[in-house]
Protein backbone atom coordinates (compact mmCIF):
# COMPACT_ATOMS: atom_id res chain seq x y z
CA MET A 1 -7.73 9.36 -45.49
CA ASP A 2 -8.13 8.35 -49.15
CA PHE A 3 -10.65 5.57 -49.81
CA ASN A 4 -10.05 5.52 -53.57
CA LEU A 5 -8.46 2.44 -55.10
CA SER A 6 -5.10 3.05 -56.69
CA PRO A 7 -5.08 3.66 -60.46
CA GLU A 8 -2.90 0.55 -60.81
CA LEU A 9 -5.42 -1.69 -59.03
CA THR A 10 -8.36 -0.19 -60.89
CA ALA A 11 -6.57 -0.85 -64.16
CA TYR A 12 -5.80 -4.41 -63.07
CA LEU A 13 -9.48 -5.11 -62.32
CA ALA A 14 -10.31 -3.94 -65.85
CA GLU A 15 -7.51 -6.15 -67.19
CA LEU A 16 -8.99 -9.13 -65.34
CA ASP A 17 -12.43 -8.43 -66.78
CA THR A 18 -11.01 -8.36 -70.28
CA PHE A 19 -9.03 -11.55 -69.67
CA ILE A 20 -12.12 -13.38 -68.36
CA GLU A 21 -14.16 -12.44 -71.42
CA ALA A 22 -11.38 -13.27 -73.86
CA LYS A 23 -9.91 -16.44 -72.33
CA ILE A 24 -11.99 -17.90 -69.50
CA LYS A 25 -15.58 -17.51 -70.73
CA PRO A 26 -14.84 -19.30 -74.03
CA LEU A 27 -13.43 -22.25 -72.08
CA GLU A 28 -16.42 -22.21 -69.72
CA ASN A 29 -18.80 -22.38 -72.70
CA ALA A 30 -16.82 -24.88 -74.78
CA ASP A 31 -18.29 -28.34 -75.31
CA ASP A 32 -20.70 -28.84 -72.39
CA ASN A 33 -18.47 -27.30 -69.70
CA ILE A 34 -21.37 -25.08 -68.65
CA ARG A 35 -22.87 -28.15 -66.95
CA PHE A 36 -20.51 -27.50 -64.06
CA PHE A 37 -22.12 -24.09 -63.46
CA ASP A 38 -25.77 -24.38 -64.45
CA HIS A 39 -28.55 -26.30 -62.65
CA ARG A 40 -26.66 -29.58 -63.19
CA ARG A 41 -23.57 -28.38 -61.33
CA GLU A 42 -23.66 -30.55 -58.19
CA HIS A 43 -24.25 -33.77 -60.14
CA ALA A 44 -21.76 -32.82 -62.88
CA ARG A 45 -19.05 -32.13 -60.31
CA THR A 46 -19.61 -35.16 -58.06
CA ASP A 47 -18.48 -38.73 -58.64
CA TRP A 48 -21.18 -40.27 -56.49
CA ASP A 49 -19.81 -43.78 -56.93
CA ASN A 50 -16.27 -42.84 -55.92
CA ASN A 51 -16.68 -41.64 -52.33
CA GLY A 52 -18.40 -38.46 -53.54
CA LEU A 53 -15.08 -37.05 -54.76
CA PRO A 54 -14.82 -34.41 -57.48
CA ARG A 55 -15.17 -35.82 -60.98
CA HIS A 56 -11.91 -36.02 -62.88
CA GLU A 57 -13.31 -33.96 -65.77
CA TRP A 58 -14.25 -31.15 -63.39
CA GLU A 59 -10.79 -30.97 -61.89
CA LEU A 60 -9.18 -31.08 -65.33
CA LEU A 61 -11.26 -28.06 -66.33
CA LEU A 62 -10.16 -26.15 -63.24
CA ALA A 63 -6.55 -27.07 -63.92
CA LYS A 64 -6.87 -25.86 -67.52
CA ALA A 65 -8.27 -22.53 -66.34
CA ARG A 66 -5.43 -22.12 -63.85
CA GLN A 67 -2.91 -22.91 -66.57
CA ILE A 68 -4.41 -20.23 -68.81
CA ALA A 69 -4.43 -17.77 -65.89
CA ASP A 70 -0.81 -18.59 -65.09
CA GLU A 71 0.22 -18.06 -68.70
CA GLY A 72 -1.63 -14.74 -68.60
CA GLY A 73 0.33 -13.65 -65.53
CA HIS A 74 -2.60 -13.68 -63.09
CA LEU A 75 -2.52 -16.91 -61.08
CA ARG A 76 0.55 -16.01 -58.99
CA TYR A 77 -0.38 -12.37 -58.50
CA ALA A 78 -0.23 -12.62 -54.68
CA TRP A 79 3.00 -14.63 -54.52
CA PRO A 80 6.17 -12.88 -53.32
CA THR A 81 8.21 -11.49 -56.20
CA GLU A 82 11.21 -13.62 -55.25
CA MET A 83 8.99 -16.70 -55.71
CA GLY A 84 7.79 -15.72 -59.17
CA GLY A 85 4.77 -13.64 -58.20
CA LYS A 86 3.81 -9.98 -58.36
CA GLY A 87 3.81 -9.37 -54.62
CA GLY A 88 0.11 -8.51 -54.55
CA SER A 89 -0.85 -7.02 -51.19
CA ASN A 90 -3.57 -8.16 -48.81
CA LEU A 91 -5.56 -5.07 -49.76
CA ASP A 92 -5.21 -5.86 -53.45
CA MET A 93 -6.32 -9.44 -52.87
CA ALA A 94 -9.32 -8.35 -50.79
CA VAL A 95 -10.49 -6.03 -53.57
CA ILE A 96 -9.82 -8.62 -56.29
CA ARG A 97 -11.60 -11.45 -54.47
CA GLU A 98 -14.67 -9.32 -53.82
CA HIS A 99 -14.66 -8.22 -57.46
CA LEU A 100 -14.49 -11.78 -58.79
CA ALA A 101 -17.05 -13.22 -56.36
CA ALA A 102 -19.51 -10.44 -57.17
CA LYS A 103 -19.61 -11.73 -60.77
CA GLY A 104 -21.44 -14.87 -59.63
CA LEU A 105 -20.69 -18.49 -60.46
CA GLY A 106 -18.19 -19.16 -63.19
CA LEU A 107 -14.86 -20.63 -64.14
CA HIS A 108 -13.18 -17.33 -63.29
CA ASN A 109 -13.73 -17.94 -59.57
CA ASP A 110 -15.35 -21.00 -58.02
CA LEU A 111 -15.56 -20.56 -54.27
CA GLN A 112 -16.62 -24.14 -53.60
CA THR A 113 -13.20 -25.38 -54.69
CA GLU A 114 -11.15 -22.30 -53.71
CA HIS A 115 -10.35 -22.02 -57.42
CA SER A 116 -9.62 -18.60 -58.87
CA ILE A 117 -7.74 -17.18 -61.81
CA VAL A 118 -5.99 -15.03 -59.18
CA GLY A 119 -4.80 -17.76 -56.87
CA ASN A 120 -5.14 -17.74 -53.11
CA ASN A 121 -2.36 -19.94 -51.77
CA PRO A 122 -1.54 -19.21 -48.10
CA PHE A 123 0.91 -22.10 -48.18
CA ILE A 124 3.31 -20.04 -50.33
CA LEU A 125 3.72 -17.23 -47.80
CA MET A 126 3.86 -19.74 -44.94
CA PHE A 127 6.73 -21.48 -46.70
CA LYS A 128 8.51 -18.18 -47.26
CA GLU A 129 8.13 -17.10 -43.62
CA PHE A 130 8.73 -20.37 -41.77
CA ALA A 131 10.70 -22.86 -43.89
CA THR A 132 14.38 -23.37 -43.09
CA ASN A 133 17.10 -22.74 -45.66
CA ALA A 134 17.47 -26.48 -46.08
CA GLN A 135 13.76 -26.83 -46.74
CA HIS A 136 13.87 -24.02 -49.28
CA ASP A 137 16.64 -25.94 -51.04
CA LYS A 138 14.81 -29.27 -50.80
CA TYR A 139 11.23 -28.26 -51.58
CA GLY A 140 11.35 -24.78 -53.13
CA ALA A 141 11.59 -25.72 -56.80
CA ASP A 142 8.91 -28.42 -56.56
CA LEU A 143 6.61 -26.07 -54.65
CA LEU A 144 6.88 -23.33 -57.28
CA ALA A 145 6.33 -25.90 -60.03
CA GLY A 146 3.13 -27.12 -58.39
CA LYS A 147 4.54 -30.56 -57.65
CA ILE A 148 3.89 -30.24 -53.91
CA ARG A 149 0.28 -30.06 -52.79
CA THR A 150 -0.51 -30.21 -49.11
CA GLY A 151 -3.40 -31.03 -46.85
CA PHE A 152 -3.82 -29.09 -43.61
CA GLY A 153 -3.93 -31.54 -40.70
CA LEU A 154 -5.00 -29.59 -37.62
CA THR A 155 -8.59 -30.58 -36.71
CA GLU A 156 -9.17 -33.97 -35.11
CA PRO A 157 -12.25 -36.20 -34.58
CA TYR A 158 -12.51 -35.07 -30.95
CA HIS A 159 -10.81 -31.68 -31.18
CA GLY A 160 -11.57 -28.80 -33.54
CA SER A 161 -11.45 -25.28 -32.15
CA ASP A 162 -9.70 -26.62 -29.04
CA ALA A 163 -6.57 -27.39 -31.09
CA THR A 164 -4.22 -27.15 -28.11
CA TRP A 165 -5.90 -30.29 -26.73
CA MET A 166 -5.07 -32.35 -29.82
CA GLU A 167 -4.39 -36.03 -29.24
CA THR A 168 -1.99 -36.58 -32.14
CA LYS A 169 1.46 -37.11 -30.66
CA ALA A 170 4.99 -37.31 -32.05
CA VAL A 171 7.88 -38.79 -30.06
CA LYS A 172 11.55 -38.88 -30.95
CA GLU A 173 12.85 -42.04 -32.56
CA THR A 174 16.15 -42.72 -34.35
CA ARG A 175 16.13 -45.13 -37.29
CA ASP A 176 19.25 -46.36 -39.05
CA GLY A 177 21.24 -43.61 -37.38
CA VAL A 178 18.83 -40.88 -38.57
CA GLU A 179 17.08 -38.83 -35.91
CA GLY A 180 13.38 -38.47 -36.43
CA TRP A 181 9.87 -38.66 -35.02
CA LEU A 182 7.16 -41.30 -34.69
CA ILE A 183 3.66 -39.88 -35.24
CA ASN A 184 0.37 -41.40 -34.07
CA GLY A 185 -3.09 -39.88 -34.27
CA GLU A 186 -6.02 -38.89 -36.46
CA LYS A 187 -7.07 -35.75 -38.34
CA MET A 188 -10.42 -34.61 -39.75
CA TRP A 189 -11.44 -32.39 -42.67
CA THR A 190 -7.96 -32.63 -44.22
CA THR A 191 -9.08 -31.03 -47.46
CA GLY A 192 -7.62 -32.05 -50.82
CA MET A 193 -5.98 -35.28 -49.78
CA HIS A 194 -7.13 -37.11 -52.92
CA VAL A 195 -4.55 -35.08 -54.89
CA ALA A 196 -2.10 -34.09 -52.13
CA SER A 197 1.55 -35.07 -52.08
CA HIS A 198 2.02 -34.15 -48.40
CA VAL A 199 0.01 -33.38 -45.31
CA MET A 200 0.93 -30.74 -42.76
CA CYS A 201 0.47 -32.72 -39.56
CA PHE A 202 0.19 -30.76 -36.31
CA ALA A 203 1.27 -32.98 -33.41
CA ARG A 204 2.11 -32.47 -29.76
CA THR A 205 5.81 -33.01 -29.13
CA GLY A 206 6.02 -31.42 -25.68
CA GLY A 207 4.12 -29.54 -22.99
CA LYS A 208 0.69 -30.60 -21.76
CA ASP A 209 -2.88 -30.45 -22.98
CA GLY A 210 -3.99 -26.86 -23.40
CA ASP A 211 -0.48 -25.44 -23.85
CA ALA A 212 0.06 -23.32 -26.95
CA LEU A 213 3.73 -24.30 -26.93
CA GLY A 214 4.79 -27.86 -27.58
CA ILE A 215 2.93 -28.36 -30.87
CA THR A 216 5.07 -29.06 -33.93
CA VAL A 217 4.24 -29.14 -37.65
CA PHE A 218 5.56 -32.02 -39.74
CA LEU A 219 5.48 -32.13 -43.53
CA VAL A 220 4.54 -35.78 -44.06
CA PRO A 221 4.59 -37.43 -47.53
CA VAL A 222 1.32 -39.24 -48.20
CA THR A 223 3.36 -42.26 -49.30
CA SER A 224 4.69 -42.72 -45.75
CA PRO A 225 3.99 -46.21 -44.33
CA GLY A 226 1.26 -45.96 -41.71
CA PHE A 227 -0.54 -42.98 -43.28
CA LYS A 228 -4.09 -43.79 -44.38
CA ILE A 229 -7.16 -42.00 -45.72
CA GLU A 230 -9.92 -43.57 -43.63
CA GLU A 231 -13.04 -42.06 -45.21
CA TYR A 232 -14.36 -39.07 -47.14
CA LEU A 233 -17.02 -37.12 -45.31
CA TRP A 234 -20.05 -36.15 -47.41
CA THR A 235 -21.13 -32.58 -46.86
CA PHE A 236 -23.93 -30.04 -47.35
CA ASN A 237 -22.18 -28.91 -50.53
CA MET A 238 -20.91 -31.74 -52.72
CA PRO A 239 -18.53 -32.96 -54.06
CA THR A 240 -16.37 -33.65 -51.04
CA ASP A 241 -12.61 -33.74 -50.72
CA HIS A 242 -12.60 -33.66 -46.92
CA PRO A 243 -11.35 -36.94 -45.40
CA ARG A 244 -10.54 -38.33 -42.00
CA VAL A 245 -6.93 -39.57 -42.04
CA SER A 246 -4.85 -41.59 -39.62
CA PHE A 247 -1.17 -41.77 -38.67
CA THR A 248 -0.13 -45.15 -37.27
CA ASN A 249 3.55 -45.26 -36.33
CA VAL A 250 4.40 -42.89 -39.18
CA TRP A 251 8.11 -42.09 -39.02
CA VAL A 252 9.64 -38.91 -40.47
CA PRO A 253 13.17 -37.52 -40.18
CA ASP A 254 14.01 -34.33 -38.28
CA ASP A 255 14.04 -32.29 -41.47
CA ALA A 256 10.30 -32.92 -41.86
CA ILE A 257 9.72 -30.36 -39.11
CA TRP A 258 8.40 -27.15 -40.61
CA GLY A 259 9.35 -24.04 -38.70
CA VAL A 260 10.51 -24.42 -35.10
CA GLU A 261 9.89 -27.47 -32.95
CA GLY A 262 7.17 -26.76 -30.40
CA ARG A 263 5.95 -23.54 -32.05
CA GLY A 264 3.74 -24.95 -34.77
CA LEU A 265 0.63 -22.98 -33.87
CA GLY A 266 2.31 -19.91 -35.35
CA LEU A 267 2.13 -21.57 -38.76
CA GLY A 268 -1.53 -22.33 -38.22
CA GLN A 269 -2.22 -18.69 -37.37
CA SER A 270 -0.32 -17.56 -40.47
CA PHE A 271 -2.56 -19.76 -42.58
CA VAL A 272 -5.88 -18.74 -41.03
CA HIS A 273 -5.21 -15.00 -41.01
CA GLN A 274 -4.45 -14.92 -44.72
CA ASN A 275 -7.38 -17.18 -45.46
CA ARG A 276 -9.83 -15.36 -43.19
CA ILE A 277 -9.37 -11.88 -44.61
CA ARG A 278 -9.54 -13.16 -48.18
CA GLN A 279 -12.49 -15.41 -47.43
CA ALA A 280 -14.26 -12.43 -45.89
CA ALA A 281 -13.76 -10.52 -49.12
CA SER A 282 -15.12 -13.41 -51.18
CA SER A 283 -18.14 -13.71 -48.90
CA LEU A 284 -18.73 -9.99 -49.30
CA GLY A 285 -18.56 -10.31 -53.08
CA ALA A 286 -21.00 -13.23 -53.11
CA ALA A 287 -23.35 -11.27 -50.82
CA VAL A 288 -23.20 -8.29 -53.18
CA TYR A 289 -24.06 -10.60 -56.07
CA CYS A 290 -27.13 -11.88 -54.21
CA ILE A 291 -28.23 -8.35 -53.31
CA GLU A 292 -27.78 -6.98 -56.83
CA GLU A 293 -29.56 -9.90 -58.47
CA SER A 294 -32.46 -9.42 -56.07
CA VAL A 295 -32.65 -5.71 -56.83
CA LYS A 296 -32.78 -6.35 -60.58
CA TYR A 297 -35.39 -9.09 -60.20
CA ALA A 298 -37.56 -6.92 -57.95
CA ARG A 299 -37.52 -4.11 -60.53
CA ALA A 300 -38.44 -6.48 -63.38
CA ARG A 301 -41.04 -8.68 -61.66
CA LYS A 302 -44.55 -7.13 -61.63
CA PRO A 303 -47.05 -9.04 -59.51
CA PHE A 304 -50.47 -7.38 -59.13
CA GLY A 305 -49.54 -4.94 -61.87
CA GLN A 306 -46.59 -3.15 -60.24
CA GLU A 307 -42.91 -3.71 -59.64
CA LEU A 308 -42.10 -6.01 -56.75
CA ALA A 309 -39.53 -3.41 -55.68
CA ARG A 310 -42.35 -1.00 -54.75
CA ASN A 311 -43.08 -3.07 -51.66
CA GLN A 312 -41.30 -2.09 -48.46
CA ALA A 313 -41.31 -5.75 -47.41
CA ILE A 314 -38.92 -6.26 -50.32
CA GLN A 315 -37.00 -2.99 -49.96
CA TRP A 316 -36.12 -2.96 -46.29
CA PRO A 317 -34.38 -6.35 -45.95
CA LEU A 318 -32.27 -5.54 -48.99
CA VAL A 319 -31.53 -2.06 -47.64
CA GLU A 320 -30.21 -3.61 -44.44
CA LEU A 321 -28.07 -6.09 -46.34
CA ALA A 322 -26.69 -3.37 -48.63
CA THR A 323 -25.85 -1.21 -45.60
CA GLN A 324 -24.04 -4.06 -43.90
CA ALA A 325 -22.12 -4.79 -47.10
CA GLU A 326 -20.92 -1.19 -47.32
CA MET A 327 -19.73 -1.21 -43.70
CA LEU A 328 -18.08 -4.61 -44.05
CA ARG A 329 -16.23 -3.51 -47.17
CA LEU A 330 -14.64 -0.62 -45.29
CA LEU A 331 -13.57 -2.84 -42.39
CA ILE A 332 -12.12 -5.50 -44.69
CA ARG A 333 -10.10 -3.00 -46.69
CA LYS A 334 -8.88 -1.15 -43.61
CA THR A 335 -7.83 -4.43 -41.95
CA ALA A 336 -6.13 -5.71 -45.10
CA TRP A 337 -4.28 -2.39 -45.41
CA GLN A 338 -3.13 -2.65 -41.79
CA MET A 339 -1.93 -6.21 -42.42
CA ASP A 340 0.19 -4.88 -45.26
CA HIS A 341 1.81 -2.34 -42.94
CA MET A 342 3.10 -4.70 -40.27
CA GLU A 343 5.36 -7.70 -40.09
CA HIS A 344 3.57 -10.90 -41.08
CA LYS A 345 4.08 -12.49 -37.67
CA GLU A 346 2.72 -9.40 -35.89
CA VAL A 347 -0.78 -9.82 -37.34
CA GLU A 348 -1.73 -12.41 -34.72
CA ARG A 349 -0.64 -10.16 -31.84
CA GLN A 350 -1.95 -6.83 -33.12
CA LEU A 351 -4.80 -7.39 -35.55
CA SER A 352 -6.29 -10.83 -35.03
CA ASP A 353 -9.55 -9.46 -33.64
CA LYS A 354 -10.20 -7.29 -36.70
CA VAL A 355 -9.51 -10.21 -39.05
CA SER A 356 -11.99 -12.29 -37.07
CA MET A 357 -14.58 -9.50 -37.19
CA CYS A 358 -14.30 -9.37 -40.97
CA ASN A 359 -14.50 -13.11 -41.41
CA TYR A 360 -17.33 -14.11 -39.13
CA TRP A 361 -19.50 -11.19 -40.20
CA GLY A 362 -18.73 -11.65 -43.89
CA ASN A 363 -19.69 -15.32 -43.84
CA ARG A 364 -22.87 -14.64 -41.91
CA LEU A 365 -23.80 -11.76 -44.23
CA CYS A 366 -23.35 -13.94 -47.29
CA CYS A 367 -25.67 -16.62 -45.92
CA GLU A 368 -28.29 -14.01 -45.05
CA ALA A 369 -28.01 -12.40 -48.50
CA ALA A 370 -28.37 -15.76 -50.27
CA ASP A 371 -31.37 -16.65 -48.13
CA ARG A 372 -32.99 -13.28 -48.84
CA ALA A 373 -32.29 -13.66 -52.57
CA MET A 374 -34.12 -16.99 -52.56
CA GLN A 375 -37.08 -15.32 -50.83
CA VAL A 376 -37.19 -12.37 -53.22
CA HIS A 377 -37.00 -14.65 -56.26
CA GLY A 378 -39.65 -17.02 -54.91
CA GLY A 379 -39.86 -20.50 -56.40
CA ILE A 380 -37.20 -19.94 -59.03
CA GLY A 381 -34.86 -18.68 -56.30
CA TYR A 382 -35.29 -21.94 -54.43
CA SER A 383 -34.54 -23.94 -57.57
CA ARG A 384 -31.10 -24.84 -58.81
CA HIS A 385 -31.71 -22.76 -61.91
CA LYS A 386 -30.52 -19.83 -59.81
CA SER A 387 -27.22 -19.97 -57.93
CA PHE A 388 -28.42 -18.75 -54.53
CA GLU A 389 -28.87 -22.20 -53.03
CA HIS A 390 -25.37 -23.12 -54.16
CA ILE A 391 -23.93 -19.94 -52.64
CA TYR A 392 -25.77 -20.60 -49.39
CA ARG A 393 -24.68 -24.23 -49.14
CA HIS A 394 -21.08 -23.35 -49.87
CA HIS A 395 -20.73 -20.31 -47.63
CA ARG A 396 -22.60 -21.93 -44.76
CA ARG A 397 -19.52 -24.03 -44.14
CA TYR A 398 -17.34 -20.98 -43.59
CA ARG A 399 -19.31 -20.13 -40.49
CA ILE A 400 -17.58 -23.24 -39.12
CA THR A 401 -14.44 -24.11 -41.05
CA GLU A 402 -12.36 -20.93 -41.01
CA GLY A 403 -12.66 -21.03 -37.23
CA SER A 404 -16.28 -21.14 -36.12
CA GLU A 405 -17.93 -17.76 -35.69
CA GLU A 406 -18.22 -18.46 -31.97
CA ILE A 407 -14.48 -18.97 -31.69
CA GLN A 408 -13.81 -15.86 -33.75
CA MET A 409 -16.17 -13.83 -31.56
CA ARG A 410 -14.31 -15.17 -28.54
CA LYS A 411 -11.08 -13.87 -30.08
CA VAL A 412 -12.68 -10.45 -30.59
CA ALA A 413 -13.88 -10.48 -26.98
CA ALA A 414 -10.40 -11.35 -25.70
CA PHE A 415 -8.98 -8.31 -27.49
CA LEU A 416 -11.90 -6.09 -26.54
CA PHE A 417 -11.60 -6.84 -22.82
CA GLY A 418 -7.81 -6.86 -22.85
CA TYR A 419 -7.18 -10.48 -21.94
CA ILE A 420 -4.81 -10.59 -24.91
CA GLY A 421 -3.69 -8.12 -27.54
CA PRO A 422 -2.53 -4.48 -27.49
CA ARG A 423 -4.91 -3.37 -24.71
CA LYS A 424 -3.88 -6.04 -22.22
CA LYS A 425 -1.66 -3.80 -20.10
CA GLU A 426 -4.13 -0.90 -20.15
CA LEU A 427 -7.22 -2.90 -19.18
CA SER A 428 -5.42 -5.15 -16.71
CA ALA A 429 -4.69 -2.04 -14.67
CA ILE A 430 -8.39 -1.09 -14.39
CA THR A 431 -9.71 -1.18 -10.80
CA TRP A 432 -13.10 -0.59 -9.24
CA ASP A 433 -12.00 2.91 -8.30
CA ASP A 434 -11.70 3.72 -12.01
CA VAL A 435 -15.36 2.95 -12.70
CA ASP A 436 -17.13 3.65 -9.40
CA TYR A 437 -19.63 6.46 -10.02
CA ARG A 438 -19.24 7.56 -6.40
CA LYS A 439 -15.67 8.62 -7.09
CA GLY A 440 -16.86 11.40 -9.39
CA HIS A 441 -15.27 10.00 -12.55
């Protein structure tokens, strides 16, 4: 088994480094753009008097960086080649996202906003895998041109991880001779709705509460009568773009259904598996940044006349974090490689537990590394003049939002004990006779 990165990927990482120094850093340092990344960052980014939304100037800067990255051939690296990308693999993206996050805060890769010069857009692959031919014809060009931006409407005020119990409903209704659906319900944490053109609304169209089947995804224009942004929810890491939205007698035609009626959870799983493995890699990179900054500080700081790093109370916590980072890196890259070697829709059935392992442990590791970095750095680590508090506040949300770590551990347990997944047949056949020590086994 060869653990070396391919020469092509190694060369691409070097190309990215050169591009950042030549094109992105000058933009980051132009005018007073650095205010979005130094100790002023939270205030500079947040329009406190406008529902706590991102300031317009901040989003314009991100858009400019993405434009430069797109012109440089980097933004669409992970997109399928037939959709104008380079077909970057899951393994490539895992390595790239760790590499960029390990550089620390900067315009090259801002994890708070999911911005990166190498874009992560799970929606693109979802569209490729699940959209009908008619939808490709209707939406494809606008999607590739960036004219369609979607919110992800799955979580509800009273239902999060228990998505199969959602209360949003859609019933058939014909209007003016056109067959369609009437949607009623609410969604929470529908990120990005202040700039979205559509919302992916998951609604029950059949079956009963708790059934995986019977949930359908509708692509709903935000201009639809009856759709409303109710409030923006302020969070631990500001600014916010996470609203509660409502659907009151929102009507859409049949062709608004994305994928197959009643099988919408498959789209949700497609989204979270791509996001989880890449988020795990970003969390790993941010953790590595915290560890490395702590190591350098401990070598340079000399309380009581000797390096802080001489103290085992400093060494051992960082040793444990560094060890966990090494092990996590191997699991992430192995899992991403396996994802690349199976059909996209097989990931949920064959590899979902490993993706969950990577994600929940990566997010937890990042929070622990940021917390330890604050402790090693002392007062300055607690201040906003270092980025550790920002990293902690941002990554703390991923222990909840990418599927809470408890839910992800439950998924791992279901695979481990064979209630679902590849070992179901094997472990379902286990009887007491197979484990009874008296039988001589």
